[in-house]
Structures are given as C-alpha cells and as structure tokens.
C-alpha cells in the first residue's frame, strides 16, 4: 500500500547547490562582488556535469556574482533549462542593512559587529522564507518536479531549518550547517510531506585540491 502511494503521489525534488570556490582569505573581503577563483570555475564545471543527472525542469539562482558564475556553468552545460533569478536567495550583505538605525557597516562582512549580524540575519531570514514560498508557488504553476537552486551558505541554512520546522532566526555563524563549495543537498515534497533526502554531497570535486572553506 505504501509503495503504491509513493508511485502515484506527486514528487518534487529541490536541489540546493552552494556556489563554487571563492577566495575569502584576508585581505580579500566578503561582499556581494566576490568572483570565483580558477579552482571555483573548475568546480562549477563539475557541478554542471552533476546536474545532468538531475534532469532539471528549472534552474534558480541568487543574483550575487559568485552564484551567477556558478549558474553560468550549469546553463552552458544544460542550455535548455528555464532560468529564474531570485534575489531573495542572496547571501547576507549590506543591502540587508538599509533600515538599520545604528551606524551602517561597511560592505565587507569581516568588519561587521555582532549587532550588525543580529539585525542582518533576521532580515535575511525573512526574505529567504518569503523567497522559498514564492519558489514553491512558481514550481506549482509550472508543474516542475526537479528544480536546482544555486545559493549560499546562509540562505541554505535558513531553508534547511525551515523545512525541518525551525523558523526562529539565530546567529547562523555560531550554529552552522556547513555546506562545501558546490555541494548538493536535496529537499523532497510528496503530497504534503516534506523532508531532507541528503545534505552536503560534494563527491564530484573529491579529487580537487582540498580548500579550507569559510562559510559565506
């Protein structure tokens, strides 16, 4: 009976993809403008090949440079996949501080103080959840079943916690689900049920030079 249910139920897989390698080593800043390194472009190519296996109906990405360059590799490999830009899935940045009543921080997240992160995390949390609901609606309208979202460590943390029922903003960098560069994770929906199928699978870059990663 259970096997029959899963054969007949509508099954939607949303693949959560972190962007490829960026050099965040100081004095390099962490901003909306960080580009992929040569290693990052190689990783993005590997991720693109991995995406062939998913037989995607829709590709979604954050508008920041590092996610756009990662998504560009996927689009070059799978050019027929419809593409959607969603700013809701951008990483925490200076744009989240527009209404902050204290002293505005600089663009570089390395220079932010605890109060900046506390405020910015709440704003990011709100927009990511709003974006997730908009994405769910878009998926239903398009009848898509296999969707890839190219995003960042922060938004991916929000999404995973939301799917698991945790909707209280927290200081993410002190309670972090670590996603490797170009790692794939999968959220599945089946007739009202939702869950995590897997997290942080980066087998496609195992042979590349190990990199000490900063979660941003």
C-alpha atoms as a PDB file:
ATOM      1  CA  UNK A   1       0.000   0.000   0.000  1.00  0.00           C
ATOM      2  CA  UNK A   2       2.783   2.424   0.927  1.00  0.00           C
ATOM      3  CA  UNK A   3       4.701   1.603  -2.260  1.00  0.00           C
ATOM      4  CA  UNK A   4       1.554   2.298  -4.313  1.00  0.00           C
ATOM      5  CA  UNK A   5       1.153   5.699  -2.597  1.00  0.00           C
ATOM      6  CA  UNK A   6       4.684   6.797  -3.497  1.00  0.00           C
ATOM      7  CA  UNK A   7       4.242   5.678  -7.107  1.00  0.00           C
ATOM      8  CA  UNK A   8       1.081   7.783  -7.540  1.00  0.00           C
ATOM      9  CA  UNK A   9       1.933  10.852  -5.426  1.00  0.00           C
ATOM     10  CA  UNK A  10       3.423  13.985  -6.999  1.00  0.00           C
ATOM     11  CA  UNK A  11       7.092  14.050  -6.025  1.00  0.00           C
ATOM     12  CA  UNK A  12       9.088  17.292  -6.189  1.00  0.00           C
ATOM     13  CA  UNK A  13      12.844  17.436  -5.611  1.00  0.00           C
ATOM     14  CA  UNK A  14      14.554  20.781  -4.999  1.00  0.00           C
ATOM     15  CA  UNK A  15      18.337  20.504  -5.227  1.00  0.00           C
ATOM     16  CA  UNK A  16      20.145  23.047  -3.067  1.00  0.00           C
ATOM     17  CA  UNK A  17      23.538  23.929  -4.564  1.00  0.00           C
ATOM     18  CA  UNK A  18      26.190  26.050  -2.913  1.00  0.00           C
ATOM     19  CA  UNK A  19      28.280  28.243  -5.223  1.00  0.00           C
ATOM     20  CA  UNK A  20      31.822  27.245  -6.215  1.00  0.00           C
ATOM     21  CA  UNK A  21      35.109  28.254  -4.571  1.00  0.00           C
ATOM     22  CA  UNK A  22      35.796  31.895  -3.705  1.00  0.00           C
ATOM     23  CA  UNK A  23      38.971  33.188  -2.064  1.00  0.00           C
ATOM     24  CA  UNK A  24      37.837  34.802   1.195  1.00  0.00           C
ATOM     25  CA  UNK A  25      41.321  34.845   2.686  1.00  0.00           C
ATOM     26  CA  UNK A  26      42.036  38.288   4.208  1.00  0.00           C
ATOM     27  CA  UNK A  27      42.721  40.900   2.998  1.00  0.00           C
ATOM     28  CA  UNK A  28      40.100  39.768   0.459  1.00  0.00           C
ATOM     29  CA  UNK A  29      36.681  40.975   1.678  1.00  0.00           C
ATOM     30  CA  UNK A  30      33.345  39.172   1.828  1.00  0.00           C
ATOM     31  CA  UNK A  31      30.867  41.217  -0.203  1.00  0.00           C
ATOM     32  CA  UNK A  32      28.266  40.736  -2.934  1.00  0.00           C
ATOM     33  CA  UNK A  33      31.015  41.040  -5.558  1.00  0.00           C
ATOM     34  CA  UNK A  34      33.392  38.153  -4.840  1.00  0.00           C
ATOM     35  CA  UNK A  35      34.229  36.236  -8.023  1.00  0.00           C
ATOM     36  CA  UNK A  36      35.023  32.560  -8.436  1.00  0.00           C
ATOM     37  CA  UNK A  37      38.673  31.548  -8.445  1.00  0.00           C
ATOM     38  CA  UNK A  38      40.124  29.406 -11.262  1.00  0.00           C
ATOM     39  CA  UNK A  39      39.543  26.445  -8.939  1.00  0.00           C
ATOM     40  CA  UNK A  40      35.981  27.663  -8.450  1.00  0.00           C
ATOM     41  CA  UNK A  41      35.340  27.671 -12.190  1.00  0.00           C
ATOM     42  CA  UNK A  42      36.640  24.112 -12.395  1.00  0.00           C
ATOM     43  CA  UNK A  43      34.346  23.116  -9.516  1.00  0.00           C
ATOM     44  CA  UNK A  44      31.406  24.806 -11.248  1.00  0.00           C
ATOM     45  CA  UNK A  45      32.066  22.741 -14.361  1.00  0.00           C
ATOM     46  CA  UNK A  46      31.990  19.568 -12.277  1.00  0.00           C
ATOM     47  CA  UNK A  47      28.738  20.680 -10.661  1.00  0.00           C
ATOM     48  CA  UNK A  48      27.243  21.326 -14.086  1.00  0.00           C
ATOM     49  CA  UNK A  49      28.012  17.762 -15.127  1.00  0.00           C
ATOM     50  CA  UNK A  50      26.430  16.529 -11.900  1.00  0.00           C
ATOM     51  CA  UNK A  51      23.299  18.499 -12.728  1.00  0.00           C
ATOM     52  CA  UNK A  52      22.846  16.453 -15.909  1.00  0.00           C
ATOM     53  CA  UNK A  53      21.891  13.553 -13.635  1.00  0.00           C
ATOM     54  CA  UNK A  54      19.069  15.567 -12.062  1.00  0.00           C
ATOM     55  CA  UNK A  55      17.215  16.143 -15.384  1.00  0.00           C
ATOM     56  CA  UNK A  56      16.183  19.600 -14.197  1.00  0.00           C
ATOM     57  CA  UNK A  57      12.950  21.386 -15.087  1.00  0.00           C
ATOM     58  CA  UNK A  58      14.064  24.735 -13.646  1.00  0.00           C
ATOM     59  CA  UNK A  59      17.290  26.446 -12.549  1.00  0.00           C
ATOM     60  CA  UNK A  60      17.104  29.232  -9.956  1.00  0.00           C
ATOM     61  CA  UNK A  61      19.968  31.384  -8.666  1.00  0.00           C
ATOM     62  CA  UNK A  62      20.837  34.253  -6.360  1.00  0.00           C
ATOM     63  CA  UNK A  63      21.965  37.425  -8.175  1.00  0.00           C
ATOM     64  CA  UNK A  64      25.378  37.703  -6.476  1.00  0.00           C
ATOM     65  CA  UNK A  65      28.441  37.311  -8.660  1.00  0.00           C
ATOM     66  CA  UNK A  66      29.673  34.001  -7.240  1.00  0.00           C
ATOM     67  CA  UNK A  67      26.284  32.315  -7.703  1.00  0.00           C
ATOM     68  CA  UNK A  68      25.810  33.804 -11.170  1.00  0.00           C
ATOM     69  CA  UNK A  69      29.188  32.469 -12.296  1.00  0.00           C
ATOM     70  CA  UNK A  70      28.346  29.044 -10.856  1.00  0.00           C
ATOM     71  CA  UNK A  71      24.929  29.043 -12.526  1.00  0.00           C
ATOM     72  CA  UNK A  72      26.524  30.109 -15.822  1.00  0.00           C
ATOM     73  CA  UNK A  73      28.454  26.823 -15.935  1.00  0.00           C
ATOM     74  CA  UNK A  74      25.231  24.873 -15.435  1.00  0.00           C
ATOM     75  CA  UNK A  75      23.439  26.892 -18.105  1.00  0.00           C
ATOM     76  CA  UNK A  76      26.280  26.305 -20.565  1.00  0.00           C
ATOM     77  CA  UNK A  77      26.090  22.552 -19.974  1.00  0.00           C
ATOM     78  CA  UNK A  78      22.272  22.374 -19.854  1.00  0.00           C
ATOM     79  CA  UNK A  79      21.144  25.313 -22.054  1.00  0.00           C
ATOM     80  CA  UNK A  80      17.527  24.204 -22.430  1.00  0.00           C
ATOM     81  CA  UNK A  81      16.678  24.501 -18.725  1.00  0.00           C
ATOM     82  CA  UNK A  82      14.471  27.534 -17.907  1.00  0.00           C
ATOM     83  CA  UNK A  83      16.331  30.023 -15.704  1.00  0.00           C
ATOM     84  CA  UNK A  84      14.980  32.248 -12.937  1.00  0.00           C
ATOM     85  CA  UNK A  85      16.836  34.902 -10.946  1.00  0.00           C
ATOM     86  CA  UNK A  86      15.596  35.275  -7.345  1.00  0.00           C
ATOM     87  CA  UNK A  87      17.211  37.986  -5.179  1.00  0.00           C
ATOM     88  CA  UNK A  88      15.535  36.520  -2.087  1.00  0.00           C
ATOM     89  CA  UNK A  89      18.227  33.816  -2.035  1.00  0.00           C
ATOM     90  CA  UNK A  90      21.232  36.162  -1.909  1.00  0.00           C
ATOM     91  CA  UNK A  91      23.716  35.895   0.936  1.00  0.00           C
ATOM     92  CA  UNK A  92      23.652  38.345   3.822  1.00  0.00           C
ATOM     93  CA  UNK A  93      25.087  41.648   2.578  1.00  0.00           C
ATOM     94  CA  UNK A  94      24.982  45.404   3.039  1.00  0.00           C
ATOM     95  CA  UNK A  95      21.585  45.531   1.293  1.00  0.00           C
ATOM     96  CA  UNK A  96      20.053  43.830   4.342  1.00  0.00           C
ATOM     97  CA  UNK A  97      21.095  46.806   6.480  1.00  0.00           C
ATOM     98  CA  UNK A  98      19.133  49.521   4.639  1.00  0.00           C
ATOM     99  CA  UNK A  99      16.754  50.205   7.546  1.00  0.00           C
ATOM    100  CA  UNK A 100      19.292  49.641  10.311  1.00  0.00           C
ATOM    101  CA  UNK A 101      19.061  52.502  12.810  1.00  0.00           C
ATOM    102  CA  UNK A 102      22.611  52.245  14.135  1.00  0.00           C
ATOM    103  CA  UNK A 103      25.897  53.028  12.429  1.00  0.00           C
ATOM    104  CA  UNK A 104      25.899  51.470   8.977  1.00  0.00           C
ATOM    105  CA  UNK A 105      28.630  48.852   8.473  1.00  0.00           C
ATOM    106  CA  UNK A 106      30.981  48.674   5.506  1.00  0.00           C
ATOM    107  CA  UNK A 107      30.321  46.253   2.653  1.00  0.00           C
ATOM    108  CA  UNK A 108      32.921  43.785   3.943  1.00  0.00           C
ATOM    109  CA  UNK A 109      31.288  41.277   6.324  1.00  0.00           C
ATOM    110  CA  UNK A 110      34.652  40.781   8.030  1.00  0.00           C
ATOM    111  CA  UNK A 111      34.238  44.244   9.549  1.00  0.00           C
ATOM    112  CA  UNK A 112      30.714  43.749  10.912  1.00  0.00           C
ATOM    113  CA  UNK A 113      29.976  43.737  14.616  1.00  0.00           C
ATOM    114  CA  UNK A 114      27.592  41.422  16.473  1.00  0.00           C
ATOM    115  CA  UNK A 115      24.707  43.911  16.268  1.00  0.00           C
ATOM    116  CA  UNK A 116      25.040  44.106  12.507  1.00  0.00           C
ATOM    117  CA  UNK A 117      24.904  40.328  12.167  1.00  0.00           C
ATOM    118  CA  UNK A 118      21.936  40.044  14.534  1.00  0.00           C
ATOM    119  CA  UNK A 119      19.914  42.569  12.547  1.00  0.00           C
ATOM    120  CA  UNK A 120      21.073  41.363   9.135  1.00  0.00           C
ATOM    121  CA  UNK A 121      20.381  37.713   9.909  1.00  0.00           C
ATOM    122  CA  UNK A 122      16.762  38.496  10.782  1.00  0.00           C
ATOM    123  CA  UNK A 123      16.273  40.428   7.541  1.00  0.00           C
ATOM    124  CA  UNK A 124      17.903  37.646   5.531  1.00  0.00           C
ATOM    125  CA  UNK A 125      15.794  35.029   7.273  1.00  0.00           C
ATOM    126  CA  UNK A 126      12.585  36.899   6.397  1.00  0.00           C
ATOM    127  CA  UNK A 127      13.426  37.340   2.728  1.00  0.00           C
ATOM    128  CA  UNK A 128      14.681  33.760   2.258  1.00  0.00           C
ATOM    129  CA  UNK A 129      11.459  32.330   3.719  1.00  0.00           C
ATOM    130  CA  UNK A 130       9.432  34.679   1.503  1.00  0.00           C
ATOM    131  CA  UNK A 131      11.510  33.555  -1.477  1.00  0.00           C
ATOM    132  CA  UNK A 132      11.019  29.897  -0.587  1.00  0.00           C
ATOM    133  CA  UNK A 133       7.256  30.355  -0.570  1.00  0.00           C
ATOM    134  CA  UNK A 134       7.423  32.198  -3.909  1.00  0.00           C
ATOM    135  CA  UNK A 135       9.548  29.408  -5.335  1.00  0.00           C
ATOM    136  CA  UNK A 136       7.050  26.794  -4.150  1.00  0.00           C
ATOM    137  CA  UNK A 137       4.254  28.718  -5.875  1.00  0.00           C
ATOM    138  CA  UNK A 138       6.312  29.020  -9.062  1.00  0.00           C
ATOM    139  CA  UNK A 139       7.004  25.289  -9.022  1.00  0.00           C
ATOM    140  CA  UNK A 140       3.297  24.509  -8.727  1.00  0.00           C
ATOM    141  CA  UNK A 141       2.389  26.946 -11.511  1.00  0.00           C
ATOM    142  CA  UNK A 142       4.989  25.495 -13.858  1.00  0.00           C
ATOM    143  CA  UNK A 143       4.379  21.889 -12.894  1.00  0.00           C
ATOM    144  CA  UNK A 144       8.118  21.478 -12.281  1.00  0.00           C
ATOM    145  CA  UNK A 145       9.355  18.382 -10.460  1.00  0.00           C
ATOM    146  CA  UNK A 146      13.162  18.783 -10.405  1.00  0.00           C
ATOM    147  CA  UNK A 147      14.491  22.208  -9.512  1.00  0.00           C
ATOM    148  CA  UNK A 148      18.017  23.398  -8.707  1.00  0.00           C
ATOM    149  CA  UNK A 149      18.680  26.451  -6.539  1.00  0.00           C
ATOM    150  CA  UNK A 150      22.192  27.945  -6.608  1.00  0.00           C
ATOM    151  CA  UNK A 151      22.688  29.918  -3.421  1.00  0.00           C
ATOM    152  CA  UNK A 152      24.974  30.488  -0.419  1.00  0.00           C
ATOM    153  CA  UNK A 153      25.723  29.024   2.996  1.00  0.00           C
ATOM    154  CA  UNK A 154      23.473  31.446   4.867  1.00  0.00           C
ATOM    155  CA  UNK A 155      20.291  31.074   2.795  1.00  0.00           C
ATOM    156  CA  UNK A 156      20.791  27.311   2.518  1.00  0.00           C
ATOM    157  CA  UNK A 157      20.973  27.127   6.311  1.00  0.00           C
ATOM    158  CA  UNK A 158      17.680  29.029   6.535  1.00  0.00           C
ATOM    159  CA  UNK A 159      15.976  26.743   4.013  1.00  0.00           C
ATOM    160  CA  UNK A 160      17.080  23.514   5.706  1.00  0.00           C
ATOM    161  CA  UNK A 161      15.972  24.759   9.118  1.00  0.00           C
ATOM    162  CA  UNK A 162      12.645  25.926   7.666  1.00  0.00           C
ATOM    163  CA  UNK A 163      11.978  22.547   6.054  1.00  0.00           C
ATOM    164  CA  UNK A 164      12.713  20.883   9.395  1.00  0.00           C
ATOM    165  CA  UNK A 165      10.287  23.192  11.184  1.00  0.00           C
ATOM    166  CA  UNK A 166      12.695  25.667  12.800  1.00  0.00           C
ATOM    167  CA  UNK A 167      11.588  29.203  11.921  1.00  0.00           C
ATOM    168  CA  UNK A 168      13.298  31.259  14.606  1.00  0.00           C
ATOM    169  CA  UNK A 169      16.213  33.396  13.348  1.00  0.00           C
ATOM    170  CA  UNK A 170      19.504  32.539  15.037  1.00  0.00           C
ATOM    171  CA  UNK A 171      23.102  33.770  14.887  1.00  0.00           C
ATOM    172  CA  UNK A 172      23.867  31.465  11.988  1.00  0.00           C
ATOM    173  CA  UNK A 173      27.643  31.529  12.167  1.00  0.00           C
ATOM    174  CA  UNK A 174      27.587  30.087  15.685  1.00  0.00           C
ATOM    175  CA  UNK A 175      25.147  27.273  14.797  1.00  0.00           C
ATOM    176  CA  UNK A 176      26.192  26.404  11.280  1.00  0.00           C
ATOM    177  CA  UNK A 177      25.306  23.604   8.881  1.00  0.00           C
ATOM    178  CA  UNK A 178      28.459  23.575   6.793  1.00  0.00           C
ATOM    179  CA  UNK A 179      27.975  23.283   3.037  1.00  0.00           C
ATOM    180  CA  UNK A 180      31.069  22.581   0.941  1.00  0.00           C
ATOM    181  CA  UNK A 181      31.662  24.506  -2.272  1.00  0.00           C
ATOM    182  CA  UNK A 182      29.301  23.148  -4.997  1.00  0.00           C
ATOM    183  CA  UNK A 183      27.828  20.654  -2.531  1.00  0.00           C
ATOM    184  CA  UNK A 184      24.385  19.330  -3.428  1.00  0.00           C
ATOM    185  CA  UNK A 185      21.543  18.770  -0.984  1.00  0.00           C
ATOM    186  CA  UNK A 186      18.001  17.651  -1.732  1.00  0.00           C
ATOM    187  CA  UNK A 187      14.635  18.685  -0.294  1.00  0.00           C
ATOM    188  CA  UNK A 188      11.698  16.474  -1.279  1.00  0.00           C
ATOM    189  CA  UNK A 189       7.941  17.109  -1.228  1.00  0.00           C
ATOM    190  CA  UNK A 190       5.424  14.280  -1.616  1.00  0.00           C
ATOM    191  CA  UNK A 191       1.714  15.084  -1.176  1.00  0.00           C
ATOM    192  CA  UNK A 192       2.163  17.376   1.821  1.00  0.00           C
ATOM    193  CA  UNK A 193       5.131  15.528   3.303  1.00  0.00           C
ATOM    194  CA  UNK A 194       8.448  17.330   3.249  1.00  0.00           C
ATOM    195  CA  UNK A 195      11.917  16.260   4.262  1.00  0.00           C
ATOM    196  CA  UNK A 196      15.647  16.275   3.599  1.00  0.00           C
ATOM    197  CA  UNK A 197      16.829  13.458   1.327  1.00  0.00           C
ATOM    198  CA  UNK A 198      20.528  14.267   1.625  1.00  0.00           C
ATOM    199  CA  UNK A 199      22.864  17.077   2.706  1.00  0.00           C
ATOM    200  CA  UNK A 200      26.264  18.293   1.547  1.00  0.00           C
ATOM    201  CA  UNK A 201      27.180  15.787  -1.165  1.00  0.00           C
ATOM    202  CA  UNK A 202      30.317  17.047  -2.935  1.00  0.00           C
ATOM    203  CA  UNK A 203      31.618  13.784  -4.370  1.00  0.00           C
ATOM    204  CA  UNK A 204      32.058  15.410  -7.803  1.00  0.00           C
ATOM    205  CA  UNK A 205      35.007  17.512  -6.525  1.00  0.00           C
ATOM    206  CA  UNK A 206      36.677  14.951  -4.245  1.00  0.00           C
ATOM    207  CA  UNK A 207      39.837  14.824  -6.358  1.00  0.00           C
ATOM    208  CA  UNK A 208      40.343  18.591  -6.448  1.00  0.00           C
ATOM    209  CA  UNK A 209      42.791  20.329  -4.142  1.00  0.00           C
ATOM    210  CA  UNK A 210      41.360  20.488  -0.613  1.00  0.00           C
ATOM    211  CA  UNK A 211      40.447  24.023   0.370  1.00  0.00           C
ATOM    212  CA  UNK A 212      39.924  25.443   3.843  1.00  0.00           C
ATOM    213  CA  UNK A 213      36.463  26.903   3.495  1.00  0.00           C
ATOM    214  CA  UNK A 214      34.851  29.909   5.161  1.00  0.00           C
ATOM    215  CA  UNK A 215      31.052  29.549   5.380  1.00  0.00           C
ATOM    216  CA  UNK A 216      29.757  32.541   3.423  1.00  0.00           C
END
